[in-house]
Every structure is written in structure tokens, then in C-alpha cells.
Amino acid sequence: MDGETIRLIVVACGAIVAGLLGALIAGAFNSRNTLATIEAARVAAEAQRDADREVEHERWLRDRRVEVYSKFLEEAHDLGLHVAWLGMGYSNDTSELAKKARNLSLLNLRVLAPTVVLDAAQDVMRSTTALTTELLAIKERTASSTEAYDAATKRFNEYLALLEVRISNDLGIDVVA
């Protein structure tokens, strides 16, 4: 071999070694970047899963509140309507009144409702007690007039309206006056 051939072989070997070293260095950097990208994707997926879980829980909680609020309001309105029917003489079934009063329960509200809604619901419950007591006094003819019954009816309706506003506020619903 002459000197020129040896020089070409040395340069070719140097180029091969340089190419291999460059590929190894680039591979190491790419490997590190790939691992960092995979880790970032995992963290982002976990964050998204946690956010989705929280949104789903909030949706579930709101759905339960709507269900509980609707049931309580329906029972309160039904009780108020039955009291009005009894007061006007359309019905004389006081046993049905007792049944409707028993159905009106704060149990589920205590678990799900904020204090402001629960307080309003308790006011409705107390007003139903006063309303039914005054109605029964009229029906049993122990009341001298209907003034106490009328006042109890007014308080019941005011407390019920206040409860509806507070429930709407809790659910983020705009209330039209």
C-alpha cells in the first residue's frame, strides 16, 4: 500500500468513528428528550384525569342537589296545596295532611345543602308546623278567627319563596323576580 491509500483509509476510519460518535451522542440526547417527553405526557394525563374526576364529582353533586331540592320543594308545595284545600273546605282528610307533613324531610338536605339553604328549609318546616296547627284549630273550631291561620299561611309562602331563591342561587340559576 502506498502512502496515499493509507491516508484515505485513516481518513475513512476517522470519518466512520466520528459518525458513530456523533450518532451515539445524538442518540443519548434523543433518548433523554424522549424520556422527558414521555414523563411530561404522563404528568399531563394524570392532571387531566384528576381534573376530569373533579368535574365529574361536581356534576354528580349538582345532580344530587337538584334531585333533593326538587323533591323537597315538590313535597312542600304539595303540603301547602293540601292545607289550602282543607282551609277552603275542598277536602276534609286531615290524615292525608299528616302523611304529607311526615313526607317533608330535611334528612337529605342536611347532607347536601349549604347552611344558607338548610336554614331556609328549616324555616319552611317550622312554618308548616305552625300552618297545620292553625288549620287544625280552625277545623276543630278552637280558633276564634282565621287571623293566625292567615299569618301562618303568609309566613309559609314567604319562607318557601326564600328557599326557592336560595336554592336557585346555590345551583347558579338566575332568579327572575
Protein backbone atom coordinates (compact mmCIF):
# COMPACT_ATOMS: atom_id res chain seq x y z
CA MET A 1 0.00 0.00 0.00
CA ASP A 2 1.24 3.34 -0.76
CA GLY A 3 1.03 6.42 1.45
CA GLU A 4 -1.99 7.86 -0.34
CA THR A 5 -4.08 4.74 0.26
CA ILE A 6 -3.13 4.60 3.93
CA ARG A 7 -4.09 8.22 4.32
CA LEU A 8 -7.51 7.55 2.67
CA ILE A 9 -8.06 4.55 4.95
CA VAL A 10 -7.15 6.59 8.06
CA VAL A 11 -9.45 9.44 6.97
CA ALA A 12 -12.23 6.95 6.21
CA CYS A 13 -11.78 5.26 9.61
CA GLY A 14 -11.77 8.70 11.28
CA ALA A 15 -14.97 9.63 9.44
CA ILE A 16 -16.58 6.35 10.48
CA VAL A 17 -15.53 6.81 14.11
CA ALA A 18 -16.72 10.45 14.06
CA GLY A 19 -20.02 9.39 12.52
CA LEU A 20 -20.51 6.66 15.11
CA LEU A 21 -19.63 9.01 17.99
CA GLY A 22 -21.98 11.64 16.61
CA ALA A 23 -24.76 9.07 16.30
CA LEU A 24 -24.14 7.89 19.88
CA ILE A 25 -24.20 11.44 21.24
CA ALA A 26 -27.36 12.31 19.26
CA GLY A 27 -28.96 9.04 20.39
CA ALA A 28 -28.21 9.83 24.03
CA PHE A 29 -29.75 13.30 23.73
CA ASN A 30 -32.76 11.96 21.86
CA SER A 31 -33.20 9.22 24.43
CA ARG A 32 -33.17 11.78 27.25
CA ASN A 33 -35.58 14.03 25.34
CA THR A 34 -37.87 11.09 24.64
CA LEU A 35 -37.92 10.11 28.31
CA ALA A 36 -38.66 13.71 29.29
CA THR A 37 -41.46 13.87 26.73
CA ILE A 38 -42.96 10.61 27.98
CA GLU A 39 -42.79 11.84 31.59
CA ALA A 40 -44.40 15.16 30.65
CA ALA A 41 -47.18 13.30 28.80
CA ARG A 42 -47.75 11.07 31.85
CA VAL A 43 -47.95 14.09 34.19
CA ALA A 44 -50.34 15.87 31.80
CA ALA A 45 -52.53 12.76 31.55
CA GLU A 46 -52.67 12.45 35.35
CA ALA A 47 -53.55 16.14 35.70
CA GLN A 48 -56.29 15.78 33.07
CA ARG A 49 -57.64 12.66 34.78
CA ASP A 50 -57.74 14.46 38.13
CA ALA A 51 -59.45 17.48 36.57
CA ASP A 52 -61.99 15.21 34.83
CA ARG A 53 -62.61 13.37 38.10
CA GLU A 54 -63.23 16.66 39.92
CA VAL A 55 -65.57 17.93 37.20
CA GLU A 56 -67.46 14.64 37.25
CA HIS A 57 -67.78 14.80 41.03
CA GLU A 58 -69.07 18.39 40.85
CA ARG A 59 -71.59 17.33 38.19
CA TRP A 60 -72.71 14.36 40.31
CA LEU A 61 -73.03 16.57 43.40
CA ARG A 62 -75.07 19.17 41.49
CA ASP A 63 -77.33 16.46 40.06
CA ARG A 64 -77.95 15.07 43.57
CA ARG A 65 -78.70 18.56 44.87
CA VAL A 66 -81.17 19.20 42.06
CA GLU A 67 -82.84 15.89 42.85
CA VAL A 68 -83.04 16.54 46.62
CA TYR A 69 -84.10 20.18 46.22
CA SER A 70 -86.78 19.26 43.69
CA LYS A 71 -88.18 16.55 45.93
CA PHE A 72 -88.27 18.81 48.99
CA LEU A 73 -89.89 21.70 47.08
CA GLU A 74 -92.43 19.36 45.50
CA GLU A 75 -93.39 17.94 48.88
CA ALA A 76 -93.56 21.41 50.47
CA HIS A 77 -95.76 22.75 47.66
CA ASP A 78 -97.93 19.64 47.83
CA LEU A 79 -98.35 20.10 51.59
CA GLY A 80 -99.16 23.79 51.14
CA LEU A 81 -101.72 22.97 48.47
CA HIS A 82 -103.35 20.34 50.68
CA VAL A 83 -103.53 22.82 53.57
CA ALA A 84 -105.17 25.35 51.25
CA TRP A 85 -107.70 22.75 50.09
CA LEU A 86 -108.51 21.87 53.68
CA GLY A 87 -108.77 25.54 54.58
CA MET A 88 -111.18 26.20 51.74
CA GLY A 89 -113.24 23.12 52.51
CA TYR A 90 -112.42 21.23 49.30
CA SER A 91 -111.14 18.36 51.40
CA ASN A 92 -111.63 17.18 54.97
CA ASP A 93 -108.96 14.46 55.03
CA THR A 94 -106.63 15.53 57.84
CA SER A 95 -104.96 12.09 57.84
CA GLU A 96 -103.64 12.88 54.36
CA LEU A 97 -102.30 16.14 55.76
CA ALA A 98 -100.38 14.26 58.45
CA LYS A 99 -98.97 11.90 55.82
CA LYS A 100 -97.81 14.79 53.65
CA ALA A 101 -96.25 16.50 56.66
CA ARG A 102 -94.31 13.33 57.51
CA ASN A 103 -93.03 13.08 53.93
CA LEU A 104 -91.42 16.50 54.19
CA SER A 105 -87.93 15.65 55.43
CA LEU A 106 -84.68 17.56 55.89
CA LEU A 107 -82.54 14.41 56.04
CA ASN A 108 -81.11 14.59 52.51
CA LEU A 109 -80.81 18.37 52.65
CA ARG A 110 -78.61 18.08 55.74
CA VAL A 111 -76.12 16.04 53.76
CA LEU A 112 -76.00 18.04 50.53
CA ALA A 113 -77.24 21.58 51.10
CA PRO A 114 -75.13 24.51 52.24
CA THR A 115 -76.11 26.15 55.53
CA VAL A 116 -77.99 29.01 53.91
CA VAL A 117 -80.30 26.58 52.06
CA LEU A 118 -80.67 24.30 55.06
CA ASP A 119 -81.65 27.26 57.29
CA ALA A 120 -84.32 28.32 54.80
CA ALA A 121 -85.63 24.75 54.59
CA GLN A 122 -85.82 24.58 58.39
CA ASP A 123 -87.85 27.80 58.35
CA VAL A 124 -90.22 26.16 55.87
CA MET A 125 -90.51 23.11 58.14
CA ARG A 126 -91.28 25.27 61.19
CA SER A 127 -93.82 27.27 59.23
CA THR A 128 -95.57 24.08 58.08
CA THR A 129 -95.93 23.04 61.70
CA ALA A 130 -97.45 26.41 62.59
CA LEU A 131 -99.65 26.34 59.48
CA THR A 132 -101.05 22.88 60.13
CA THR A 133 -101.59 23.68 63.82
CA GLU A 134 -103.59 26.79 62.93
CA LEU A 135 -105.54 24.91 60.27
CA LEU A 136 -106.45 22.14 62.69
CA ALA A 137 -107.54 24.75 65.26
CA ILE A 138 -109.92 26.19 62.67
CA LYS A 139 -111.17 22.75 61.66
CA GLU A 140 -111.74 21.78 65.31
CA ARG A 141 -113.37 25.18 65.90
CA THR A 142 -110.97 26.07 68.74
CA ALA A 143 -109.70 29.16 66.90
CA SER A 144 -111.69 32.35 67.37
CA SER A 145 -110.73 33.70 63.93
CA THR A 146 -108.63 32.90 60.89
CA GLU A 147 -106.05 35.64 61.52
CA ALA A 148 -103.45 33.26 62.93
CA TYR A 149 -104.06 30.84 60.05
CA ASP A 150 -103.75 33.67 57.51
CA ALA A 151 -100.50 34.87 59.13
CA ALA A 152 -99.13 31.30 59.18
CA THR A 153 -100.04 30.89 55.50
CA LYS A 154 -98.27 34.14 54.64
CA ARG A 155 -95.14 33.09 56.58
CA PHE A 156 -95.15 29.66 54.91
CA ASN A 157 -95.35 31.22 51.44
CA GLU A 158 -92.62 33.77 52.26
CA TYR A 159 -90.29 31.08 53.63
CA LEU A 160 -90.96 28.85 50.65
CA ALA A 161 -90.19 31.70 48.23
CA LEU A 162 -86.98 32.47 50.13
CA LEU A 163 -85.99 28.80 49.97
CA GLU A 164 -86.57 28.75 46.22
CA VAL A 165 -84.33 31.81 45.77
CA ARG A 166 -81.57 30.30 47.91
CA ILE A 167 -81.75 27.00 46.07
CA SER A 168 -81.55 28.83 42.74
CA ASN A 169 -78.53 30.77 43.98
CA ASP A 170 -76.84 27.58 45.18
CA LEU A 171 -77.37 25.98 41.78
CA GLY A 172 -76.20 29.09 39.94
CA ILE A 173 -79.56 29.75 38.36
CA ASP A 174 -80.58 33.34 37.70
CA VAL A 175 -83.81 34.14 39.51
CA VAL A 176 -86.36 36.23 37.67
CA ALA A 177 -88.28 38.41 40.12
